[in-house]
């Protein structure tokens, strides 16, 4: 009698327990913000060293003035005392309350002035040069106060933040040149299968297929915050695999991934090969679909090994829900929290297996989220994954989910929240 399949949540706990937290490195922000670079994860919270804006400045081109009254009425005439452009040093108004300063957008408001009126709301007069207000102006009008965006000493980013362009903008504005980030996990990949052809320019011989795994891994691994240090494709024999393993090992990965050769066929040699190489297999085969033959092992030096099944969607599920979660733990990030959304239609499934479903999350006409399980859930069918914008999870303890039932919904990657489509 076959042993019961391991529950996927229990399997994930084994994975997380085996994951080391990687060291921190101090990096220059300008080097992290390179276009197209993989996301980096903050290891330490960041507090602002200064206020933003650093001084009171004008929202627009106009005239700055002051008054003891809350409102300066339309029709008031004021002499023009000076001019302040963006980048000019601080100035002091000599005749505050009786004169105005021409001021440009972003310019520092001269000391003693407390409001700005837009240039189109004044009439310029001569002999002597002065302005006449065409609208009432109130205390504080059209002034960006120092610290109104960020106060000095305010925490602006939490540890675990995946940095992107928004964060780099804020860091640059505050003059923060360095941050503490997690070192990227180093990942090596071996694709197994004598049927695989890496080069799409080559014609296929009888029985061959193009290698879809390599293209998927090459994109997804950096997008998950890791560094892909080695990739290789080998045939279905143990000596070739052992040689490829040695080459991959030489690149110093913390995580190694293989695809294929983990099921029950005559050429599924990976479990045996790993044991001969000194690995401890922590689990093999889970109560999930697709991806049941998933294998997880650890080597004496701590390197983690994920043996993903050969079917493309099975490999995608293993990468997304086990490998990426390991990378997330190594990066020092908290556990993911899924969306919860109702199904648009009923779904029937096999008992005892958690299903990972190619899905489409959308906002309906009433502004509510809903998730549709796409046709073509078989593990060989890639086109539905290309049409998906999310993964929906159907729990193992049920065989039917009714329309409207709430399910967990995850992004296509652990750093990518689901992006619902509009009606």
Protein backbone atom coordinates (compact mmCIF):
# COMPACT_ATOMS: atom_id res chain seq x y z
CA UNK A 1 0.00 0.00 0.00
CA UNK A 2 1.41 3.36 -1.05
CA UNK A 3 2.23 5.88 1.67
CA UNK A 4 -0.18 8.84 1.87
CA UNK A 5 0.92 11.92 -0.02
CA UNK A 6 2.34 14.76 2.04
CA UNK A 7 0.06 17.74 2.62
CA UNK A 8 1.41 20.81 0.73
CA UNK A 9 1.27 23.05 3.80
CA UNK A 10 3.33 20.53 5.77
CA UNK A 11 5.76 20.34 2.84
CA UNK A 12 6.09 24.13 2.79
CA UNK A 13 6.95 24.11 6.49
CA UNK A 14 9.79 21.70 5.74
CA UNK A 15 11.01 24.00 3.01
CA UNK A 16 10.90 27.10 5.19
CA UNK A 17 12.62 25.32 8.08
CA UNK A 18 15.52 24.47 5.76
CA UNK A 19 15.93 28.03 4.39
CA UNK A 20 18.80 30.15 5.70
CA UNK A 21 18.36 33.92 5.89
CA UNK A 22 20.97 35.36 3.56
CA UNK A 23 23.40 38.12 4.59
CA UNK A 24 22.78 41.83 4.15
CA UNK A 25 24.78 44.09 1.88
CA UNK A 26 24.99 47.87 1.75
CA UNK A 27 24.38 49.09 -1.80
CA UNK A 28 24.31 52.43 -3.57
CA UNK A 29 20.80 53.38 -4.58
CA UNK A 30 21.93 54.52 -8.05
CA UNK A 31 23.32 51.04 -8.69
CA UNK A 32 20.13 49.31 -7.58
CA UNK A 33 17.94 51.53 -9.76
CA UNK A 34 19.39 50.30 -13.05
CA UNK A 35 16.63 49.84 -15.68
CA UNK A 36 15.61 46.21 -16.05
CA UNK A 37 17.47 45.05 -12.95
CA UNK A 38 15.95 42.41 -10.67
CA UNK A 39 14.08 43.72 -7.64
CA UNK A 40 16.06 44.06 -4.44
CA UNK A 41 14.65 43.54 -0.95
CA UNK A 42 15.26 45.95 1.91
CA UNK A 43 16.71 44.22 4.95
CA UNK A 44 16.60 47.30 7.23
CA UNK A 45 13.90 49.94 7.56
CA UNK A 46 14.75 53.39 6.20
CA UNK A 47 14.06 56.64 8.05
CA UNK A 48 14.22 60.05 6.43
CA UNK A 49 17.32 62.09 7.34
CA UNK A 50 15.55 65.33 6.45
CA UNK A 51 12.20 66.93 5.74
CA UNK A 52 10.63 66.77 2.29
CA UNK A 53 10.15 69.38 0.94
CA UNK A 54 13.21 70.73 2.75
CA UNK A 55 11.80 74.29 2.75
CA UNK A 56 8.54 76.12 2.06
CA UNK A 57 8.22 76.54 -1.70
CA UNK A 58 5.73 77.76 -4.25
CA UNK A 59 3.26 75.42 -5.97
CA UNK A 60 3.11 77.61 -9.05
CA UNK A 61 4.39 80.64 -10.94
CA UNK A 62 2.97 83.74 -9.29
CA UNK A 63 3.58 86.23 -6.51
CA UNK A 64 4.32 85.64 -2.84
CA UNK A 65 3.04 88.04 -0.22
CA UNK A 66 2.03 88.25 3.43
CA UNK A 67 -0.63 89.75 5.62
CA UNK A 68 -1.79 89.79 9.22
CA UNK A 69 -5.27 89.02 7.91
CA UNK A 70 -6.45 85.57 6.82
CA UNK A 71 -7.72 86.97 3.54
CA UNK A 72 -6.18 89.63 1.32
CA UNK A 73 -9.08 90.81 -0.88
CA UNK A 74 -9.19 91.18 -4.63
CA UNK A 75 -8.30 94.70 -5.75
CA UNK A 76 -5.39 95.05 -3.32
CA UNK A 77 -2.31 96.61 -4.93
CA UNK A 78 1.21 95.68 -3.85
CA UNK A 79 4.63 96.86 -4.97
CA UNK A 80 7.00 94.25 -6.46
CA UNK A 81 9.96 93.97 -4.14
CA UNK A 82 11.97 91.11 -5.68
CA UNK A 83 12.02 87.86 -7.59
CA UNK A 84 12.70 84.28 -6.45
CA UNK A 85 13.45 81.42 -8.89
CA UNK A 86 13.87 77.71 -8.22
CA UNK A 87 17.40 77.16 -6.95
CA UNK A 88 17.84 80.66 -5.53
CA UNK A 89 19.15 80.86 -1.99
CA UNK A 90 16.97 82.00 0.89
CA UNK A 91 15.76 85.61 0.82
CA UNK A 92 14.05 87.79 3.38
CA UNK A 93 11.15 90.10 2.51
CA UNK A 94 11.94 93.63 3.63
CA UNK A 95 8.43 95.01 3.42
CA UNK A 96 6.23 92.01 4.24
CA UNK A 97 2.58 92.97 4.24
CA UNK A 98 3.06 95.83 1.79
CA UNK A 99 4.95 94.29 -1.13
CA UNK A 100 5.04 91.08 -3.20
CA UNK A 101 7.77 88.92 -4.70
CA UNK A 102 7.57 87.36 -8.14
CA UNK A 103 8.11 83.63 -7.53
CA UNK A 104 8.51 80.57 -9.74
CA UNK A 105 7.26 77.02 -9.23
CA UNK A 106 9.44 75.21 -6.69
CA UNK A 107 11.23 78.37 -5.57
CA UNK A 108 11.88 78.89 -1.87
CA UNK A 109 9.35 81.29 -0.35
CA UNK A 110 11.14 84.38 1.00
CA UNK A 111 11.16 84.60 4.76
CA UNK A 112 8.26 86.63 6.08
CA UNK A 113 5.83 85.75 3.25
CA UNK A 114 2.96 83.34 3.84
CA UNK A 115 0.90 82.88 0.67
CA UNK A 116 1.20 82.71 -3.13
CA UNK A 117 -1.22 83.85 -5.82
CA UNK A 118 -1.07 82.52 -9.38
CA UNK A 119 0.30 84.83 -12.05
CA UNK A 120 -2.98 84.62 -13.99
CA UNK A 121 -4.84 85.96 -10.93
CA UNK A 122 -3.02 89.31 -10.89
CA UNK A 123 -2.78 92.35 -13.11
CA UNK A 124 0.67 93.84 -13.56
CA UNK A 125 0.87 97.61 -13.36
CA UNK A 126 3.72 100.08 -13.98
CA UNK A 127 5.02 103.36 -12.58
CA UNK A 128 5.83 102.06 -10.10
CA UNK A 129 5.95 98.30 -10.83
CA UNK A 130 3.18 96.65 -8.84
CA UNK A 131 0.40 94.10 -9.01
CA UNK A 132 -3.32 94.24 -8.46
CA UNK A 133 -4.99 91.10 -7.09
CA UNK A 134 -7.83 89.78 -9.24
CA UNK A 135 -8.91 87.23 -6.60
CA UNK A 136 -8.91 86.90 -2.84
CA UNK A 137 -5.83 85.14 -1.43
CA UNK A 138 -5.72 83.18 1.82
CA UNK A 139 -3.03 82.36 4.39
CA UNK A 140 -0.89 79.40 3.22
CA UNK A 141 -2.41 79.37 -0.26
CA UNK A 142 -0.34 77.52 -2.88
CA UNK A 143 2.65 76.95 -0.60
CA UNK A 144 4.18 73.51 -0.17
CA UNK A 145 5.19 73.45 3.47
CA UNK A 146 8.53 72.01 4.58
CA UNK A 147 7.99 68.43 5.73
CA UNK A 148 4.46 68.22 4.33
CA UNK A 149 5.46 65.13 2.31
CA UNK A 150 7.91 63.51 4.75
CA UNK A 151 8.94 64.71 8.19
CA UNK A 152 12.55 64.40 9.31
CA UNK A 153 13.07 61.11 11.13
CA UNK A 154 9.92 59.53 9.67
CA UNK A 155 10.11 55.84 8.70
CA UNK A 156 9.54 55.78 4.97
CA UNK A 157 10.23 52.14 4.00
CA UNK A 158 9.91 48.93 6.00
CA UNK A 159 12.28 45.98 6.01
CA UNK A 160 11.05 43.43 3.49
CA UNK A 161 10.03 46.04 0.89
CA UNK A 162 10.70 44.99 -2.70
CA UNK A 163 12.22 48.14 -4.14
CA UNK A 164 10.91 49.56 -7.39
CA UNK A 165 10.84 52.92 -9.21
CA UNK A 166 8.48 54.52 -6.65
CA UNK A 167 10.88 53.80 -3.81
CA UNK A 168 13.93 54.92 -5.76
CA UNK A 169 12.18 58.23 -6.47
CA UNK A 170 11.57 58.78 -2.76
CA UNK A 171 15.08 57.75 -1.74
CA UNK A 172 16.59 60.07 -4.34
CA UNK A 173 14.40 62.99 -3.28
CA UNK A 174 15.61 62.57 0.30
CA UNK A 175 19.25 62.31 -0.70
CA UNK A 176 19.59 58.77 0.62
CA UNK A 177 22.55 57.27 -1.19
CA UNK A 178 22.83 53.80 0.39
CA UNK A 179 20.42 51.18 1.71
CA UNK A 180 20.77 47.76 3.34
CA UNK A 181 19.39 45.01 1.10
CA UNK A 182 19.37 41.23 1.15
CA UNK A 183 21.96 39.53 -0.98
CA UNK A 184 20.26 37.76 -3.86
CA UNK A 185 19.96 33.97 -3.62
CA UNK A 186 22.10 32.24 -6.21
CA UNK A 187 20.12 29.71 -8.26
CA UNK A 188 21.32 27.06 -10.72
CA UNK A 189 19.02 25.22 -13.13
CA UNK A 190 19.37 21.84 -14.87
CA UNK A 191 16.71 20.78 -17.37
CA UNK A 192 16.64 17.05 -18.04
CA UNK A 193 15.26 15.25 -21.08
CA UNK A 194 16.79 13.90 -24.27
CA UNK A 195 13.72 15.22 -26.12
CA UNK A 196 14.50 18.87 -25.26
CA UNK A 197 15.88 21.30 -27.85
CA UNK A 198 17.10 24.63 -26.45
CA UNK A 199 17.59 26.53 -29.70
CA UNK A 200 14.28 27.48 -31.39
CA UNK A 201 16.17 28.06 -34.63
CA UNK A 202 16.92 24.34 -34.90
CA UNK A 203 14.39 22.04 -36.58
CA UNK A 204 12.85 19.35 -34.42
CA UNK A 205 13.63 15.72 -35.06
CA UNK A 206 11.01 13.06 -34.51
CA UNK A 207 10.07 12.90 -30.82
CA UNK A 208 11.74 16.19 -29.90
CA UNK A 209 10.16 19.31 -28.35
CA UNK A 210 11.48 22.78 -27.65
CA UNK A 211 12.59 23.47 -24.09
CA UNK A 212 9.93 25.73 -22.56
CA UNK A 213 11.29 25.34 -19.02
CA UNK A 214 14.54 27.17 -19.65
CA UNK A 215 12.79 30.24 -21.05
CA UNK A 216 10.37 30.28 -18.11
CA UNK A 217 13.08 29.88 -15.47
CA UNK A 218 15.28 32.48 -17.11
CA UNK A 219 12.54 35.09 -16.67
CA UNK A 220 10.94 34.02 -13.41
CA UNK A 221 14.04 33.47 -11.26
CA UNK A 222 15.41 37.04 -11.56
CA UNK A 223 11.86 38.40 -11.22
CA UNK A 224 11.66 36.55 -7.90
CA UNK A 225 14.67 38.48 -6.58
CA UNK A 226 17.31 35.81 -7.21
CA UNK A 227 20.38 35.53 -9.40
CA UNK A 228 20.47 32.82 -12.07
CA UNK A 229 24.09 31.65 -12.02
CA UNK A 230 23.94 28.52 -14.18
CA UNK A 231 21.57 26.86 -16.65
CA UNK A 232 22.08 23.67 -18.60
CA UNK A 233 20.11 20.99 -20.42
CA UNK A 234 21.13 17.32 -20.26
CA UNK A 235 19.76 14.00 -21.43
CA UNK A 236 18.07 11.26 -19.44
CA UNK A 237 21.05 9.44 -17.98
CA UNK A 238 22.56 9.59 -14.55
CA UNK A 239 26.24 10.12 -15.51
CA UNK A 240 25.35 13.14 -17.68
CA UNK A 241 23.24 14.52 -14.87
CA UNK A 242 26.04 14.03 -12.33
CA UNK A 243 28.46 15.91 -14.60
CA UNK A 244 25.96 18.74 -15.09
CA UNK A 245 25.37 18.81 -11.34
CA UNK A 246 29.10 19.24 -10.73
CA UNK A 247 29.29 22.12 -13.22
CA UNK A 248 26.27 23.80 -11.64
CA UNK A 249 27.65 23.22 -8.13
CA UNK A 250 30.88 24.96 -9.08
CA UNK A 251 29.00 28.24 -9.58
CA UNK A 252 28.17 28.37 -5.85
CA UNK A 253 24.35 28.25 -5.80
CA UNK A 254 22.33 28.27 -2.60
CA UNK A 255 19.43 26.73 -4.52
CA UNK A 256 19.51 24.23 -7.37
CA UNK A 257 16.50 23.37 -9.52
CA UNK A 258 16.01 20.57 -11.99
CA UNK A 259 13.05 19.84 -14.22
CA UNK A 260 12.00 16.34 -15.17
CA UNK A 261 13.05 12.81 -14.09
CA UNK A 262 11.33 12.85 -10.67
CA UNK A 263 8.27 10.68 -11.37
CA UNK A 264 8.01 6.87 -11.64
CA UNK A 265 9.25 6.12 -15.16
CA UNK A 266 12.30 4.18 -16.28
CA UNK A 267 14.24 7.41 -16.83
CA UNK A 268 13.24 9.16 -13.60
CA UNK A 269 16.66 8.90 -12.01
CA UNK A 270 16.93 12.20 -10.06
CA UNK A 271 15.99 10.84 -6.58
CA UNK A 272 18.56 8.05 -6.88
CA UNK A 273 21.21 10.42 -8.24
CA UNK A 274 20.67 12.93 -5.44
CA UNK A 275 21.11 10.27 -2.76
CA UNK A 276 24.34 9.13 -4.39
CA UNK A 277 25.54 12.74 -4.34
CA UNK A 278 24.91 13.02 -0.59
CA UNK A 279 21.52 14.75 -0.47
CA UNK A 280 18.88 14.21 2.20
CA UNK A 281 15.48 14.01 0.52
CA UNK A 282 13.02 15.86 2.76
CA UNK A 283 9.96 15.02 0.69
CA UNK A 284 9.00 13.52 -2.65
CA UNK A 285 5.41 13.66 -3.96
CA UNK A 286 2.74 15.94 -2.59
CA UNK A 287 -1.04 16.07 -2.54
CA UNK A 288 -1.14 18.76 -5.23
CA UNK A 289 -2.18 19.04 -8.84
CA UNK A 290 -0.41 19.71 -11.03
CA UNK A 291 3.04 18.92 -9.67
CA UNK A 292 2.50 15.82 -7.55
CA UNK A 293 6.04 14.36 -8.10
CA UNK A 294 7.74 17.48 -6.63
CA UNK A 295 10.94 16.65 -4.73
CA UNK A 296 12.80 18.69 -2.12
CA UNK A 297 16.24 17.83 -0.77
CA UNK A 298 19.06 19.40 1.21
CA UNK A 299 22.79 18.87 0.92
CA UNK A 300 25.15 18.73 3.91
CA UNK A 301 26.49 22.24 3.20
CA UNK A 302 22.94 23.64 3.23
CA UNK A 303 22.31 23.90 -0.51
CA UNK A 304 18.62 23.36 -1.24
CA UNK A 305 17.45 21.25 -4.17
CA UNK A 306 14.06 21.29 -5.87
CA UNK A 307 13.28 18.54 -8.35
CA UNK A 308 10.38 19.87 -10.42
CA UNK A 309 8.25 17.63 -12.66
CA UNK A 310 8.75 17.70 -16.40
CA UNK A 311 5.32 18.89 -17.50
CA UNK A 312 5.56 22.65 -17.98
CA UNK A 313 2.68 23.70 -15.72
CA UNK A 314 3.76 21.24 -13.03
CA UNK A 315 7.19 22.88 -13.10
CA UNK A 316 5.59 26.35 -13.01
CA UNK A 317 3.53 25.39 -9.94
CA UNK A 318 6.56 23.97 -8.15
CA UNK A 319 8.57 27.08 -8.90
CA UNK A 320 5.82 29.50 -7.88
CA UNK A 321 4.55 27.86 -4.70
CA UNK A 322 7.66 26.17 -3.31
CA UNK A 323 10.85 27.55 -4.86
CA UNK A 324 9.72 31.18 -4.80
CA UNK A 325 8.53 30.84 -1.23
CA UNK A 326 11.96 29.52 -0.29
CA UNK A 327 13.59 32.47 -2.03
CA UNK A 328 11.21 34.80 -0.20
CA UNK A 329 12.26 33.34 3.16
CA UNK A 330 15.94 33.60 2.26
CA UNK A 331 15.40 37.26 1.37
CA UNK A 332 13.95 37.90 4.83
CA UNK A 333 10.42 38.64 3.61
CA UNK A 334 7.21 37.76 5.45
CA UNK A 335 4.84 35.06 4.23
CA UNK A 336 2.63 36.00 1.31
CA UNK A 337 -0.97 36.95 1.93
CA UNK A 338 -3.35 36.00 -0.89
CA UNK A 339 -6.34 37.89 -2.17
CA UNK A 340 -9.70 36.29 -1.49
CA UNK A 341 -12.10 36.43 -4.41
CA UNK A 342 -15.32 34.62 -5.43
CA UNK A 343 -15.42 32.16 -8.31
CA UNK A 344 -17.46 33.18 -11.32
CA UNK A 345 -18.59 29.58 -11.86
CA UNK A 346 -18.56 26.24 -10.04
CA UNK A 347 -15.41 24.12 -10.11
CA UNK A 348 -15.19 20.36 -9.65
CA UNK A 349 -11.94 18.72 -8.57
CA UNK A 350 -10.45 15.43 -7.40
CA UNK A 351 -10.57 14.66 -3.70
CA UNK A 352 -7.50 15.01 -1.52
CA UNK A 353 -5.47 17.26 -3.81
CA UNK A 354 -4.92 21.01 -3.61
CA UNK A 355 -5.34 22.36 -7.13
CA UNK A 356 -3.31 25.27 -8.49
CA UNK A 357 -5.45 26.77 -11.21
CA UNK A 358 -4.58 29.03 -14.09
CA UNK A 359 -7.02 31.88 -13.54
CA UNK A 360 -8.09 35.34 -14.54
CA UNK A 361 -8.90 37.91 -11.87
CA UNK A 362 -11.21 40.73 -12.95
CA UNK A 363 -13.21 43.63 -11.60
CA UNK A 364 -16.87 43.38 -12.53
CA UNK A 365 -19.18 46.24 -13.51
CA UNK A 366 -20.09 46.73 -9.86
CA UNK A 367 -16.45 47.18 -8.84
CA UNK A 368 -16.17 43.74 -7.19
CA UNK A 369 -13.33 41.26 -7.68
CA UNK A 370 -14.11 37.87 -9.19
CA UNK A 371 -11.89 35.05 -10.42
CA UNK A 372 -12.47 32.76 -13.38
CA UNK A 373 -10.83 29.34 -13.67
CA UNK A 374 -9.59 29.12 -17.25
CA UNK A 375 -10.23 26.21 -19.57
CA UNK A 376 -7.25 23.96 -20.15
CA UNK A 377 -6.00 23.09 -16.66
CA UNK A 378 -4.00 20.07 -17.84
CA UNK A 379 -0.34 20.21 -16.88
CA UNK A 380 0.90 20.19 -20.49
CA UNK A 381 -1.21 23.17 -21.62
CA UNK A 382 0.83 26.38 -21.65
CA UNK A 383 -1.50 28.70 -23.61
CA UNK A 384 -3.94 29.13 -20.68
CA UNK A 385 -1.05 30.19 -18.45
CA UNK A 386 -0.13 32.84 -21.00
CA UNK A 387 -3.75 34.09 -20.76
CA UNK A 388 -3.79 34.00 -16.95
CA UNK A 389 -3.08 36.91 -14.65
CA UNK A 390 -3.28 34.93 -11.40
CA UNK A 391 -3.21 31.54 -9.71
CA UNK A 392 -6.34 30.40 -7.85
CA UNK A 393 -6.02 27.67 -5.22
CA UNK A 394 -8.74 25.09 -4.62
CA UNK A 395 -8.23 23.39 -1.22
CA UNK A 396 -7.72 19.66 -0.96
CA UNK A 397 -10.58 18.94 1.43
CA UNK A 398 -13.36 19.44 -1.10
CA UNK A 399 -14.47 18.08 -4.47
CA UNK A 400 -16.70 20.96 -5.52
CA UNK A 401 -16.59 24.72 -5.17
CA UNK A 402 -19.83 26.52 -5.93
CA UNK A 403 -20.05 29.72 -7.96
CA UNK A 404 -19.40 32.55 -5.52
CA UNK A 405 -17.18 30.45 -3.25
CA UNK A 406 -14.14 32.36 -1.99
CA UNK A 407 -10.72 31.07 -3.02
CA UNK A 408 -7.16 32.20 -2.42
CA UNK A 409 -5.72 34.14 -5.36
CA UNK A 410 -1.99 34.75 -5.89
CA UNK A 411 0.01 36.74 -8.40
CA UNK A 412 2.02 35.00 -11.10
CA UNK A 413 5.14 35.65 -9.01
CA UNK A 414 5.65 36.23 -5.30
CA UNK A 415 6.72 39.86 -5.90
CA UNK A 416 3.85 40.53 -8.31
CA UNK A 417 0.40 41.08 -6.81
CA UNK A 418 -2.50 40.04 -9.08
CA UNK A 419 -3.48 42.79 -11.49
CA UNK A 420 -7.24 42.48 -12.09
CA UNK A 421 -8.52 43.24 -15.56
CA UNK A 422 -11.24 45.85 -15.94
CA UNK A 423 -14.75 45.03 -17.22
